Amino acid sequence: MEILRAKAPLRISFAGGGTDVSPYPEERGGAVLNAAIDKFAYATLRAESGSGKARVRSLDFDLDATFRTPQELVFNGELDLVKAVLKHFHRTDQEVEVFLHSDAPPRTGLGSSSTLTVALVSLFGRYLKLPMTLYELAELAYRIERVELGEPGGRQDQYAAAFGGFNFMEFTKEGTVVNRLRIDAEVRNELAYRLMLCFTGTTRLSGTIIESQTRAYRDGRSETVEGLDATKHLAFDMKKALLTGNLDGMGELLHASWEAKKQFTEGVTNPEIDALYAHAREAGALGGKLTGAGGGGYLLLFCDFQRRQEVAKAVTRSGGRTVDFAFCPEGVESWSVRSPTAPAA
């Protein structure tokens, strides 16, 4: 029996999220600034010769399902991402068992679903000995999730999980370009100290918000178009601030990015999130934004370094929970799990 494992990093997005969702990038060009963090999606594969049966165990959803034929891989809202990957890579002469879990709860804005897809594609690519560049891996994960499965969303999560590190990504009708940013160690360490990741205590279905945003954009809603254009330009401004070490400026741009994001569509924010953010600002946060499509999940805050503890206390009083994290320079990785050798008789 062969055992393989893969992990891919989750990400935080600073600006530009939403401009990677079609048809905006094909028509106006999108840009996103993000960074991978040390929270991961994990996938493990056990494989052996057999009849094509597949068993999937998800620790996050506490689900255990067995599919004996490809016809049983029906998309019904339960383990659909894994089913889509299994359909794509299915082999009738093998039996597989897949174990899944993530360091962050699903539907919290850190890109966990797409990151898990990247880990699974890497895992099956290694198992089937399919050579793939990081671009090819990320694009295949995107196609499986967005085209074959039909889940709404953009491209930044798959590329962030594949590449790791700090990235400035540009999206056009010609394709995706990932600009890997080399951040000075002093700037990187100070940025990690000034940022605070806060779980708002609620999760959300990002697809609903993304579908609403896409409809509003297609309908030409001026506020949506202006918000998307603004956050794209802020991604360029924030990249410059990051590369030049202007971190206070980056904090202010993060606030502007949140204001632009709220223009995308209804549901991006709610009174509870607005109150939490207002209390954090009063306590010393220069800026902040939700890390995903909106509606809940994680709030990323940029703090005045002298008032970091006051911000943390304000977040806790408002019902949030701070979460430690560090930046992750590596992208998706996969490896063989060595079975222990039986002791000699």
C-alpha atoms as a PDB file:
ATOM      1  CA  MET A   1       0.000   0.000   0.000  1.00  0.00           C
ATOM      2  CA  GLU A   2       1.282   3.442  -0.947  1.00  0.00           C
ATOM      3  CA  ILE A   3       0.723   6.392   1.424  1.00  0.00           C
ATOM      4  CA  LEU A   4       1.211   9.993   0.278  1.00  0.00           C
ATOM      5  CA  ARG A   5       0.553  13.288   2.016  1.00  0.00           C
ATOM      6  CA  ALA A   6       0.308  16.917   0.910  1.00  0.00           C
ATOM      7  CA  LYS A   7      -0.144  20.279   2.556  1.00  0.00           C
ATOM      8  CA  ALA A   8      -0.855  23.718   1.122  1.00  0.00           C
ATOM      9  CA  PRO A   9      -0.842  27.078   2.955  1.00  0.00           C
ATOM     10  CA  LEU A  10      -3.882  29.249   3.506  1.00  0.00           C
ATOM     11  CA  ARG A  11      -3.589  32.939   2.675  1.00  0.00           C
ATOM     12  CA  ILE A  12      -4.463  36.433   3.791  1.00  0.00           C
ATOM     13  CA  SER A  13      -5.436  38.956   1.134  1.00  0.00           C
ATOM     14  CA  PHE A  14      -4.457  42.605   1.521  1.00  0.00           C
ATOM     15  CA  ALA A  15      -6.133  44.205  -1.500  1.00  0.00           C
ATOM     16  CA  GLY A  16      -7.619  43.381  -4.872  1.00  0.00           C
ATOM     17  CA  GLY A  17      -9.694  40.363  -3.870  1.00  0.00           C
ATOM     18  CA  GLY A  18     -12.773  40.198  -6.088  1.00  0.00           C
ATOM     19  CA  THR A  19     -10.973  41.497  -9.176  1.00  0.00           C
ATOM     20  CA  ASP A  20      -9.862  37.896  -9.855  1.00  0.00           C
ATOM     21  CA  VAL A  21     -13.498  36.794 -10.332  1.00  0.00           C
ATOM     22  CA  SER A  22     -14.644  36.496 -13.959  1.00  0.00           C
ATOM     23  CA  PRO A  23     -15.670  38.362 -16.003  1.00  0.00           C
ATOM     24  CA  TYR A  24     -13.982  41.374 -14.362  1.00  0.00           C
ATOM     25  CA  PRO A  25     -10.341  40.307 -15.017  1.00  0.00           C
ATOM     26  CA  GLU A  26     -11.031  39.424 -18.662  1.00  0.00           C
ATOM     27  CA  GLU A  27     -12.718  42.796 -19.274  1.00  0.00           C
ATOM     28  CA  ARG A  28     -10.809  45.233 -17.038  1.00  0.00           C
ATOM     29  CA  GLY A  29      -7.801  43.333 -15.650  1.00  0.00           C
ATOM     30  CA  GLY A  30      -7.519  42.277 -12.021  1.00  0.00           C
ATOM     31  CA  ALA A  31      -4.727  42.538  -9.446  1.00  0.00           C
ATOM     32  CA  VAL A  32      -4.368  41.042  -5.964  1.00  0.00           C
ATOM     33  CA  LEU A  33      -1.762  41.368  -3.208  1.00  0.00           C
ATOM     34  CA  ASN A  34      -1.709  38.438  -0.779  1.00  0.00           C
ATOM     35  CA  ALA A  35       0.554  36.321   1.413  1.00  0.00           C
ATOM     36  CA  ALA A  36       0.569  32.692   2.509  1.00  0.00           C
ATOM     37  CA  ILE A  37       0.436  31.975   6.237  1.00  0.00           C
ATOM     38  CA  ASP A  38       1.359  29.044   8.465  1.00  0.00           C
ATOM     39  CA  LYS A  39      -2.139  27.563   8.514  1.00  0.00           C
ATOM     40  CA  PHE A  40      -2.515  24.598   6.199  1.00  0.00           C
ATOM     41  CA  ALA A  41      -4.941  22.299   4.421  1.00  0.00           C
ATOM     42  CA  TYR A  42      -3.779  18.673   4.581  1.00  0.00           C
ATOM     43  CA  ALA A  43      -4.639  15.687   2.417  1.00  0.00           C
ATOM     44  CA  THR A  44      -3.480  12.096   2.801  1.00  0.00           C
ATOM     45  CA  LEU A  45      -3.867   9.335   0.203  1.00  0.00           C
ATOM     46  CA  ARG A  46      -3.713   5.586   0.696  1.00  0.00           C
ATOM     47  CA  ALA A  47      -3.774   3.657  -2.560  1.00  0.00           C
ATOM     48  CA  GLU A  48      -3.574   0.047  -3.651  1.00  0.00           C
ATOM     49  CA  SER A  49      -4.696  -2.145  -6.533  1.00  0.00           C
ATOM     50  CA  GLY A  50      -8.434  -2.758  -6.546  1.00  0.00           C
ATOM     51  CA  SER A  51     -11.773  -2.089  -8.178  1.00  0.00           C
ATOM     52  CA  GLY A  52     -11.841   1.724  -8.257  1.00  0.00           C
ATOM     53  CA  LYS A  53     -13.560   2.212  -4.885  1.00  0.00           C
ATOM     54  CA  ALA A  54     -12.860   5.521  -3.074  1.00  0.00           C
ATOM     55  CA  ARG A  55     -13.323   6.323   0.596  1.00  0.00           C
ATOM     56  CA  VAL A  56     -13.180   9.911   1.865  1.00  0.00           C
ATOM     57  CA  ARG A  57     -12.855  10.980   5.490  1.00  0.00           C
ATOM     58  CA  SER A  58     -13.136  14.672   6.385  1.00  0.00           C
ATOM     59  CA  LEU A  59     -12.164  15.635   9.923  1.00  0.00           C
ATOM     60  CA  ASP A  60     -13.425  19.216   9.448  1.00  0.00           C
ATOM     61  CA  PHE A  61     -16.966  18.130   8.553  1.00  0.00           C
ATOM     62  CA  ASP A  62     -16.887  14.843  10.498  1.00  0.00           C
ATOM     63  CA  LEU A  63     -17.888  12.953   7.350  1.00  0.00           C
ATOM     64  CA  ASP A  64     -16.975   9.473   6.146  1.00  0.00           C
ATOM     65  CA  ALA A  65     -18.207   8.363   2.725  1.00  0.00           C
ATOM     66  CA  THR A  66     -17.430   5.508   0.345  1.00  0.00           C
ATOM     67  CA  PHE A  67     -17.972   5.659  -3.416  1.00  0.00           C
ATOM     68  CA  ARG A  68     -17.850   2.299  -5.178  1.00  0.00           C
ATOM     69  CA  THR A  69     -18.253   3.544  -8.749  1.00  0.00           C
ATOM     70  CA  PRO A  70     -17.648   6.855 -10.560  1.00  0.00           C
ATOM     71  CA  GLN A  71     -21.424   7.156 -11.002  1.00  0.00           C
ATOM     72  CA  GLU A  72     -21.770   7.571  -7.236  1.00  0.00           C
ATOM     73  CA  LEU A  73     -19.655  10.758  -7.315  1.00  0.00           C
ATOM     74  CA  VAL A  74     -22.715  12.990  -7.504  1.00  0.00           C
ATOM     75  CA  PHE A  75     -22.433  16.681  -6.576  1.00  0.00           C
ATOM     76  CA  ASN A  76     -24.975  17.191  -3.790  1.00  0.00           C
ATOM     77  CA  GLY A  77     -23.326  19.690  -1.434  1.00  0.00           C
ATOM     78  CA  GLU A  78     -21.442  17.043   0.558  1.00  0.00           C
ATOM     79  CA  LEU A  79     -17.703  16.590  -0.090  1.00  0.00           C
ATOM     80  CA  ASP A  80     -18.210  17.981  -3.599  1.00  0.00           C
ATOM     81  CA  LEU A  81     -14.665  19.347  -3.941  1.00  0.00           C
ATOM     82  CA  VAL A  82     -13.169  15.936  -3.203  1.00  0.00           C
ATOM     83  CA  LYS A  83     -15.641  14.265  -5.563  1.00  0.00           C
ATOM     84  CA  ALA A  84     -14.632  16.657  -8.337  1.00  0.00           C
ATOM     85  CA  VAL A  85     -10.945  15.821  -7.838  1.00  0.00           C
ATOM     86  CA  LEU A  86     -11.692  12.084  -7.673  1.00  0.00           C
ATOM     87  CA  LYS A  87     -13.712  12.326 -10.904  1.00  0.00           C
ATOM     88  CA  HIS A  88     -10.879  14.115 -12.652  1.00  0.00           C
ATOM     89  CA  PHE A  89      -8.175  11.640 -11.612  1.00  0.00           C
ATOM     90  CA  HIS A  90     -10.259   8.457 -11.308  1.00  0.00           C
ATOM     91  CA  ARG A  91      -8.618   5.106 -12.100  1.00  0.00           C
ATOM     92  CA  THR A  92     -10.716   1.954 -12.187  1.00  0.00           C
ATOM     93  CA  ASP A  93      -7.768  -0.301 -11.315  1.00  0.00           C
ATOM     94  CA  GLN A  94      -6.999   1.365  -7.975  1.00  0.00           C
ATOM     95  CA  GLU A  95      -8.705   1.698  -4.598  1.00  0.00           C
ATOM     96  CA  VAL A  96      -8.008   4.927  -2.726  1.00  0.00           C
ATOM     97  CA  GLU A  97      -8.681   6.321   0.735  1.00  0.00           C
ATOM     98  CA  VAL A  98      -8.437  10.077   1.285  1.00  0.00           C
ATOM     99  CA  PHE A  99      -8.151  11.851   4.661  1.00  0.00           C
ATOM    100  CA  LEU A 100      -8.686  15.630   4.870  1.00  0.00           C
ATOM    101  CA  HIS A 101      -8.331  18.348   7.471  1.00  0.00           C
ATOM    102  CA  SER A 102      -7.493  22.033   7.729  1.00  0.00           C
ATOM    103  CA  ASP A 103      -5.983  24.282  10.390  1.00  0.00           C
ATOM    104  CA  ALA A 104      -8.807  26.815   9.904  1.00  0.00           C
ATOM    105  CA  PRO A 105     -12.557  26.237   9.936  1.00  0.00           C
ATOM    106  CA  PRO A 106     -14.177  26.042   6.491  1.00  0.00           C
ATOM    107  CA  ARG A 107     -15.911  29.154   5.111  1.00  0.00           C
ATOM    108  CA  THR A 108     -13.839  31.649   7.073  1.00  0.00           C
ATOM    109  CA  GLY A 109     -12.195  33.680   4.294  1.00  0.00           C
ATOM    110  CA  LEU A 110      -8.682  32.197   4.256  1.00  0.00           C
ATOM    111  CA  GLY A 111      -9.216  30.284   1.026  1.00  0.00           C
ATOM    112  CA  SER A 112      -9.482  26.880   2.698  1.00  0.00           C
ATOM    113  CA  SER A 113     -11.625  25.209   0.001  1.00  0.00           C
ATOM    114  CA  SER A 114      -9.348  26.174  -2.883  1.00  0.00           C
ATOM    115  CA  THR A 115      -6.267  25.431  -0.796  1.00  0.00           C
ATOM    116  CA  LEU A 116      -7.568  21.935  -0.110  1.00  0.00           C
ATOM    117  CA  THR A 117      -8.176  21.488  -3.842  1.00  0.00           C
ATOM    118  CA  VAL A 118      -4.560  22.468  -4.530  1.00  0.00           C
ATOM    119  CA  ALA A 119      -3.338  19.968  -1.924  1.00  0.00           C
ATOM    120  CA  LEU A 120      -5.475  17.227  -3.503  1.00  0.00           C
ATOM    121  CA  VAL A 121      -4.306  18.009  -7.052  1.00  0.00           C
ATOM    122  CA  SER A 122      -0.692  17.939  -5.863  1.00  0.00           C
ATOM    123  CA  LEU A 123      -1.354  14.655  -4.070  1.00  0.00           C
ATOM    124  CA  PHE A 124      -2.900  12.906  -7.077  1.00  0.00           C
ATOM    125  CA  GLY A 125      -0.338  14.442  -9.404  1.00  0.00           C
ATOM    126  CA  ARG A 126       2.413  12.850  -7.332  1.00  0.00           C
ATOM    127  CA  TYR A 127       0.547   9.543  -7.084  1.00  0.00           C
ATOM    128  CA  LEU A 128      -0.019   9.345 -10.853  1.00  0.00           C
ATOM    129  CA  LYS A 129       3.455  10.775 -11.610  1.00  0.00           C
ATOM    130  CA  LEU A 130       2.072  13.711 -13.585  1.00  0.00           C
ATOM    131  CA  PRO A 131       4.679  16.484 -13.918  1.00  0.00           C
ATOM    132  CA  MET A 132       3.142  19.938 -13.354  1.00  0.00           C
ATOM    133  CA  THR A 133       4.554  23.423 -12.944  1.00  0.00           C
ATOM    134  CA  LEU A 134       3.082  25.543 -10.145  1.00  0.00           C
ATOM    135  CA  TYR A 135       1.138  27.490 -12.772  1.00  0.00           C
ATOM    136  CA  GLU A 136      -0.287  24.288 -14.240  1.00  0.00           C
ATOM    137  CA  LEU A 137      -1.157  22.917 -10.800  1.00  0.00           C
ATOM    138  CA  ALA A 138      -2.941  26.112  -9.736  1.00  0.00           C
ATOM    139  CA  GLU A 139      -4.817  26.420 -13.035  1.00  0.00           C
ATOM    140  CA  LEU A 140      -5.930  22.770 -12.911  1.00  0.00           C
ATOM    141  CA  ALA A 141      -7.182  23.261  -9.342  1.00  0.00           C
ATOM    142  CA  TYR A 142      -9.060  26.350 -10.546  1.00  0.00           C
ATOM    143  CA  ARG A 143     -10.604  24.434 -13.462  1.00  0.00           C
ATOM    144  CA  ILE A 144     -11.703  21.506 -11.289  1.00  0.00           C
ATOM    145  CA  GLU A 145     -13.289  23.800  -8.703  1.00  0.00           C
ATOM    146  CA  ARG A 146     -14.738  26.573 -10.849  1.00  0.00           C
ATOM    147  CA  VAL A 147     -15.480  24.865 -14.190  1.00  0.00           C
ATOM    148  CA  GLU A 148     -15.971  21.143 -13.566  1.00  0.00           C
ATOM    149  CA  LEU A 149     -17.678  21.588 -10.185  1.00  0.00           C
ATOM    150  CA  GLY A 150     -19.151  25.015 -10.919  1.00  0.00           C
ATOM    151  CA  GLU A 151     -18.294  26.677  -7.597  1.00  0.00           C
ATOM    152  CA  PRO A 152     -18.268  30.494  -7.900  1.00  0.00           C
ATOM    153  CA  GLY A 153     -15.043  32.322  -7.086  1.00  0.00           C
ATOM    154  CA  GLY A 154     -11.781  33.680  -8.386  1.00  0.00           C
ATOM    155  CA  ARG A 155      -8.234  32.503  -8.992  1.00  0.00           C
ATOM    156  CA  GLN A 156      -6.108  34.047  -6.258  1.00  0.00           C
ATOM    157  CA  ASP A 157      -6.602  31.270  -3.687  1.00  0.00           C
ATOM    158  CA  GLN A 158      -5.345  28.473  -5.927  1.00  0.00           C
ATOM    159  CA  TYR A 159      -2.247  30.438  -6.939  1.00  0.00           C
ATOM    160  CA  ALA A 160      -1.485  31.585  -3.381  1.00  0.00           C
ATOM    161  CA  ALA A 161      -1.663  27.981  -2.155  1.00  0.00           C
ATOM    162  CA  ALA A 162       0.526  26.718  -4.985  1.00  0.00           C
ATOM    163  CA  PHE A 163       3.248  29.382  -4.790  1.00  0.00           C
ATOM    164  CA  GLY A 164       3.342  30.405  -1.100  1.00  0.00           C
ATOM    165  CA  GLY A 165       5.116  33.550   0.121  1.00  0.00           C
ATOM    166  CA  PHE A 166       4.180  37.138  -0.764  1.00  0.00           C
ATOM    167  CA  ASN A 167       2.675  37.527  -4.230  1.00  0.00           C
ATOM    168  CA  PHE A 168       1.322  40.270  -6.433  1.00  0.00           C
ATOM    169  CA  MET A 169      -0.946  38.586  -8.958  1.00  0.00           C
ATOM    170  CA  GLU A 170      -2.292  40.019 -12.185  1.00  0.00           C
ATOM    171  CA  PHE A 171      -5.283  38.510 -13.986  1.00  0.00           C
ATOM    172  CA  THR A 172      -6.216  39.244 -17.610  1.00  0.00           C
ATOM    173  CA  LYS A 173      -7.916  37.475 -20.514  1.00  0.00           C
ATOM    174  CA  GLU A 174      -4.443  36.273 -21.570  1.00  0.00           C
ATOM    175  CA  GLY A 175      -3.923  34.470 -18.244  1.00  0.00           C
ATOM    176  CA  THR A 176      -2.437  34.840 -14.773  1.00  0.00           C
ATOM    177  CA  VAL A 177       0.978  36.239 -13.859  1.00  0.00           C
ATOM    178  CA  VAL A 178       2.354  35.706 -10.340  1.00  0.00           C
ATOM    179  CA  ASN A 179       4.955  38.261  -9.273  1.00  0.00           C
ATOM    180  CA  ARG A 180       6.761  36.785  -6.263  1.00  0.00           C
ATOM    181  CA  LEU A 181       7.795  39.608  -3.938  1.00  0.00           C
ATOM    182  CA  ARG A 182      11.076  39.554  -2.051  1.00  0.00           C
ATOM    183  CA  ILE A 183      10.327  41.383   1.185  1.00  0.00           C
ATOM    184  CA  ASP A 184      13.171  42.603   3.378  1.00  0.00           C
ATOM    185  CA  ALA A 185      13.348  40.534   6.587  1.00  0.00           C
ATOM    186  CA  GLU A 186      12.980  43.605   8.822  1.00  0.00           C
ATOM    187  CA  VAL A 187       9.870  44.712   6.960  1.00  0.00           C
ATOM    188  CA  ARG A 188       8.428  41.187   7.000  1.00  0.00           C
ATOM    189  CA  ASN A 189       9.001  40.810  10.751  1.00  0.00           C
ATOM    190  CA  GLU A 190       7.552  44.223  11.543  1.00  0.00           C
ATOM    191  CA  LEU A 191       4.530  43.588   9.346  1.00  0.00           C
ATOM    192  CA  ALA A 192       3.866  40.290  11.142  1.00  0.00           C
ATOM    193  CA  TYR A 193       4.075  42.136  14.478  1.00  0.00           C
ATOM    194  CA  ARG A 194       1.712  44.900  13.381  1.00  0.00           C
ATOM    195  CA  LEU A 195      -0.933  42.615  11.867  1.00  0.00           C
ATOM    196  CA  MET A 196      -3.586  40.847  13.915  1.00  0.00           C
ATOM    197  CA  LEU A 197      -5.841  38.075  12.659  1.00  0.00           C
ATOM    198  CA  CYS A 198      -9.217  37.990  14.358  1.00  0.00           C
ATOM    199  CA  PHE A 199     -11.911  35.344  13.981  1.00  0.00           C
ATOM    200  CA  THR A 200     -15.267  37.112  14.031  1.00  0.00           C
ATOM    201  CA  GLY A 201     -16.991  33.983  15.337  1.00  0.00           C
ATOM    202  CA  THR A 202     -19.172  33.472  12.273  1.00  0.00           C
ATOM    203  CA  THR A 203     -18.745  31.618   8.990  1.00  0.00           C
ATOM    204  CA  ARG A 204     -20.478  32.286   5.707  1.00  0.00           C
ATOM    205  CA  LEU A 205     -21.185  30.866   2.254  1.00  0.00           C
ATOM    206  CA  SER A 206     -18.856  32.961   0.106  1.00  0.00           C
ATOM    207  CA  GLY A 207     -20.430  31.693  -3.105  1.00  0.00           C
ATOM    208  CA  THR A 208     -23.652  33.586  -2.401  1.00  0.00           C
ATOM    209  CA  ILE A 209     -21.785  36.887  -1.978  1.00  0.00           C
ATOM    210  CA  ILE A 210     -19.596  36.247  -5.029  1.00  0.00           C
ATOM    211  CA  GLU A 211     -22.632  35.411  -7.179  1.00  0.00           C
ATOM    212  CA  SER A 212     -24.299  38.639  -6.028  1.00  0.00           C
ATOM    213  CA  GLN A 213     -21.116  40.606  -6.821  1.00  0.00           C
ATOM    214  CA  THR A 214     -20.876  39.033 -10.272  1.00  0.00           C
ATOM    215  CA  ARG A 215     -24.521  39.801 -11.080  1.00  0.00           C
ATOM    216  CA  ALA A 216     -24.073  43.399  -9.962  1.00  0.00           C
ATOM    217  CA  TYR A 217     -20.959  43.776 -12.120  1.00  0.00           C
ATOM    218  CA  ARG A 218     -22.627  42.218 -15.177  1.00  0.00           C
ATOM    219  CA  ASP A 219     -25.598  44.534 -14.663  1.00  0.00           C
ATOM    220  CA  GLY A 220     -23.237  47.527 -14.701  1.00  0.00           C
ATOM    221  CA  ARG A 221     -23.998  48.630 -11.125  1.00  0.00           C
ATOM    222  CA  SER A 222     -21.768  51.702 -10.813  1.00  0.00           C
ATOM    223  CA  GLU A 223     -20.967  51.217  -7.126  1.00  0.00           C
ATOM    224  CA  THR A 224     -19.770  47.670  -7.769  1.00  0.00           C
ATOM    225  CA  VAL A 225     -17.591  48.626 -10.731  1.00  0.00           C
ATOM    226  CA  GLU A 226     -16.124  51.597  -8.846  1.00  0.00           C
ATOM    227  CA  GLY A 227     -15.416  49.446  -5.798  1.00  0.00           C
ATOM    228  CA  LEU A 228     -13.654  46.766  -7.859  1.00  0.00           C
ATOM    229  CA  ASP A 229     -11.623  49.365  -9.753  1.00  0.00           C
ATOM    230  CA  ALA A 230     -10.661  51.059  -6.492  1.00  0.00           C
ATOM    231  CA  THR A 231      -9.483  47.885  -4.763  1.00  0.00           C
ATOM    232  CA  LYS A 232      -7.442  46.952  -7.854  1.00  0.00           C
ATOM    233  CA  HIS A 233      -5.628  50.301  -7.778  1.00  0.00           C
ATOM    234  CA  LEU A 234      -5.145  49.927  -4.012  1.00  0.00           C
ATOM    235  CA  ALA A 235      -3.420  46.575  -4.624  1.00  0.00           C
ATOM    236  CA  PHE A 236      -0.796  48.408  -6.720  1.00  0.00           C
ATOM    237  CA  ASP A 237      -0.441  51.136  -4.057  1.00  0.00           C
ATOM    238  CA  MET A 238      -0.127  48.573  -1.282  1.00  0.00           C
ATOM    239  CA  LYS A 239       2.512  46.616  -3.174  1.00  0.00           C
ATOM    240  CA  LYS A 240       4.599  49.808  -3.413  1.00  0.00           C
ATOM    241  CA  ALA A 241       4.102  50.548   0.294  1.00  0.00           C
ATOM    242  CA  LEU A 242       5.165  47.001   1.198  1.00  0.00           C
ATOM    243  CA  LEU A 243       8.251  46.987  -1.018  1.00  0.00           C
ATOM    244  CA  THR A 244       9.391  50.396   0.294  1.00  0.00           C
ATOM    245  CA  GLY A 245       8.704  49.529   3.938  1.00  0.00           C
ATOM    246  CA  ASN A 246       5.973  52.157   4.382  1.00  0.00           C
ATOM    247  CA  LEU A 247       3.981  50.060   6.820  1.00  0.00           C
ATOM    248  CA  ASP A 248       1.881  52.840   8.354  1.00  0.00           C
ATOM    249  CA  GLY A 249       0.858  53.725   4.818  1.00  0.00           C
ATOM    250  CA  MET A 250      -0.013  50.094   4.257  1.00  0.00           C
ATOM    251  CA  GLY A 251      -2.297  50.169   7.297  1.00  0.00           C
ATOM    252  CA  GLU A 252      -4.136  53.187   5.951  1.00  0.00           C
ATOM    253  CA  LEU A 253      -4.457  51.534   2.540  1.00  0.00           C
ATOM    254  CA  LEU A 254      -5.892  48.441   4.211  1.00  0.00           C
ATOM    255  CA  HIS A 255      -8.679  50.622   5.614  1.00  0.00           C
ATOM    256  CA  ALA A 256      -9.297  52.118   2.161  1.00  0.00           C
ATOM    257  CA  SER A 257      -9.403  48.590   0.731  1.00  0.00           C
ATOM    258  CA  TRP A 258     -12.143  47.645   3.214  1.00  0.00           C
ATOM    259  CA  GLU A 259     -14.156  50.727   2.312  1.00  0.00           C
ATOM    260  CA  ALA A 260     -13.892  49.801  -1.377  1.00  0.00           C
ATOM    261  CA  LYS A 261     -14.782  46.173  -0.694  1.00  0.00           C
ATOM    262  CA  LYS A 262     -18.030  47.164   1.003  1.00  0.00           C
ATOM    263  CA  GLN A 263     -19.150  48.695  -2.305  1.00  0.00           C
ATOM    264  CA  PHE A 264     -19.057  45.342  -4.137  1.00  0.00           C
ATOM    265  CA  THR A 265     -22.485  44.081  -3.096  1.00  0.00           C
ATOM    266  CA  GLU A 266     -24.816  43.590  -0.154  1.00  0.00           C
ATOM    267  CA  GLY A 267     -23.751  41.086   2.481  1.00  0.00           C
ATOM    268  CA  VAL A 268     -20.044  41.927   2.501  1.00  0.00           C
ATOM    269  CA  THR A 269     -20.465  43.286   6.012  1.00  0.00           C
ATOM    270  CA  ASN A 270     -23.094  43.370   8.764  1.00  0.00           C
ATOM    271  CA  PRO A 271     -23.732  45.385  11.950  1.00  0.00           C
ATOM    272  CA  GLU A 272     -21.738  42.976  14.149  1.00  0.00           C
ATOM    273  CA  ILE A 273     -18.644  43.133  11.914  1.00  0.00           C
ATOM    274  CA  ASP A 274     -18.960  46.912  11.595  1.00  0.00           C
ATOM    275  CA  ALA A 275     -19.129  47.248  15.390  1.00  0.00           C
ATOM    276  CA  LEU A 276     -16.116  44.978  15.929  1.00  0.00           C
ATOM    277  CA  TYR A 277     -14.094  46.922  13.355  1.00  0.00           C
ATOM    278  CA  ALA A 278     -15.111  50.283  14.829  1.00  0.00           C
ATOM    279  CA  HIS A 279     -14.047  49.192  18.321  1.00  0.00           C
ATOM    280  CA  ALA A 280     -10.708  47.952  16.949  1.00  0.00           C
ATOM    281  CA  ARG A 281     -10.145  51.304  15.216  1.00  0.00           C
ATOM    282  CA  GLU A 282     -10.977  53.195  18.379  1.00  0.00           C
ATOM    283  CA  ALA A 283      -8.455  51.056  20.267  1.00  0.00           C
ATOM    284  CA  GLY A 284      -5.598  51.699  17.822  1.00  0.00           C
ATOM    285  CA  ALA A 285      -6.077  49.737  14.584  1.00  0.00           C
ATOM    286  CA  LEU A 286      -5.039  51.855  11.601  1.00  0.00           C
ATOM    287  CA  GLY A 287      -6.972  49.687   9.181  1.00  0.00           C
ATOM    288  CA  GLY A 288      -8.337  46.263   8.460  1.00  0.00           C
ATOM    289  CA  LYS A 289     -10.566  44.138   6.222  1.00  0.00           C
ATOM    290  CA  LEU A 290     -12.233  40.766   6.040  1.00  0.00           C
ATOM    291  CA  THR A 291      -9.880  38.294   4.379  1.00  0.00           C
ATOM    292  CA  GLY A 292     -12.426  36.650   2.061  1.00  0.00           C
ATOM    293  CA  ALA A 293     -15.580  37.520   0.158  1.00  0.00           C
ATOM    294  CA  GLY A 294     -17.216  38.937   3.283  1.00  0.00           C
ATOM    295  CA  GLY A 295     -20.069  38.259   5.663  1.00  0.00           C
ATOM    296  CA  GLY A 296     -17.927  36.709   8.407  1.00  0.00           C
ATOM    297  CA  GLY A 297     -14.784  34.681   8.894  1.00  0.00           C
ATOM    298  CA  TYR A 298     -11.464  36.339   9.669  1.00  0.00           C
ATOM    299  CA  LEU A 299     -10.814  40.050  10.047  1.00  0.00           C
ATOM    300  CA  LEU A 300      -7.254  41.206   9.361  1.00  0.00           C
ATOM    301  CA  LEU A 301      -6.267  44.248  11.427  1.00  0.00           C
ATOM    302  CA  PHE A 302      -3.200  46.514  11.194  1.00  0.00           C
ATOM    303  CA  CYS A 303      -2.282  47.964  14.584  1.00  0.00           C
ATOM    304  CA  ASP A 304      -0.433  50.949  15.970  1.00  0.00           C
ATOM    305  CA  PHE A 305       2.499  49.072  17.540  1.00  0.00           C
ATOM    306  CA  GLN A 306       2.043  50.854  20.901  1.00  0.00           C
ATOM    307  CA  ARG A 307      -1.621  49.902  21.120  1.00  0.00           C
ATOM    308  CA  ARG A 308      -1.595  46.304  19.931  1.00  0.00           C
ATOM    309  CA  GLN A 309      -2.723  44.952  23.303  1.00  0.00           C
ATOM    310  CA  GLU A 310      -5.554  47.464  23.511  1.00  0.00           C
ATOM    311  CA  VAL A 311      -6.753  46.353  20.075  1.00  0.00           C
ATOM    312  CA  ALA A 312      -6.655  42.702  21.157  1.00  0.00           C
ATOM    313  CA  LYS A 313      -8.717  43.514  24.256  1.00  0.00           C
ATOM    314  CA  ALA A 314     -11.251  45.473  22.191  1.00  0.00           C
ATOM    315  CA  VAL A 315     -11.586  42.569  19.751  1.00  0.00           C
ATOM    316  CA  THR A 316     -12.188  40.120  22.606  1.00  0.00           C
ATOM    317  CA  ARG A 317     -14.771  42.384  24.246  1.00  0.00           C
ATOM    318  CA  SER A 318     -16.577  42.596  20.907  1.00  0.00           C
ATOM    319  CA  GLY A 319     -16.860  38.812  20.648  1.00  0.00           C
ATOM    320  CA  GLY A 320     -13.869  38.192  18.363  1.00  0.00           C
ATOM    321  CA  ARG A 321     -10.882  35.923  18.956  1.00  0.00           C
ATOM    322  CA  THR A 322      -7.301  36.697  17.987  1.00  0.00           C
ATOM    323  CA  VAL A 323      -5.325  33.962  16.238  1.00  0.00           C
ATOM    324  CA  ASP A 324      -1.525  33.753  16.079  1.00  0.00           C
ATOM    325  CA  PHE A 325       0.009  33.313  12.632  1.00  0.00           C
ATOM    326  CA  ALA A 326       3.275  33.720  10.749  1.00  0.00           C
ATOM    327  CA  PHE A 327       4.054  34.168   7.075  1.00  0.00           C
ATOM    328  CA  CYS A 328       4.817  31.009   5.106  1.00  0.00           C
ATOM    329  CA  PRO A 329       7.434  31.210   2.315  1.00  0.00           C
ATOM    330  CA  GLU A 330       6.654  27.766   0.879  1.00  0.00           C
ATOM    331  CA  GLY A 331       3.753  26.762  -1.303  1.00  0.00           C
ATOM    332  CA  VAL A 332       2.148  23.344  -1.731  1.00  0.00           C
ATOM    333  CA  GLU A 333       4.284  20.322  -0.839  1.00  0.00           C
ATOM    334  CA  SER A 334       3.712  16.581  -1.138  1.00  0.00           C
ATOM    335  CA  TRP A 335       5.701  13.623   0.129  1.00  0.00           C
ATOM    336  CA  SER A 336       5.703   9.875   0.630  1.00  0.00           C
ATOM    337  CA  VAL A 337       4.925   8.509   4.068  1.00  0.00           C
ATOM    338  CA  ARG A 338       7.399   5.832   4.990  1.00  0.00           C
ATOM    339  CA  SER A 339       5.906   2.789   6.645  1.00  0.00           C
ATOM    340  CA  PRO A 340       7.833   1.530   9.677  1.00  0.00           C
ATOM    341  CA  THR A 341       9.967  -1.471   8.937  1.00  0.00           C
ATOM    342  CA  ALA A 342       8.877  -4.607  10.774  1.00  0.00           C
ATOM    343  CA  PRO A 343      11.451  -5.713  13.366  1.00  0.00           C
ATOM    344  CA  ALA A 344      13.588  -8.712  12.465  1.00  0.00           C
ATOM    345  CA  ALA A 345      12.517 -12.032  13.971  1.00  0.00           C
END
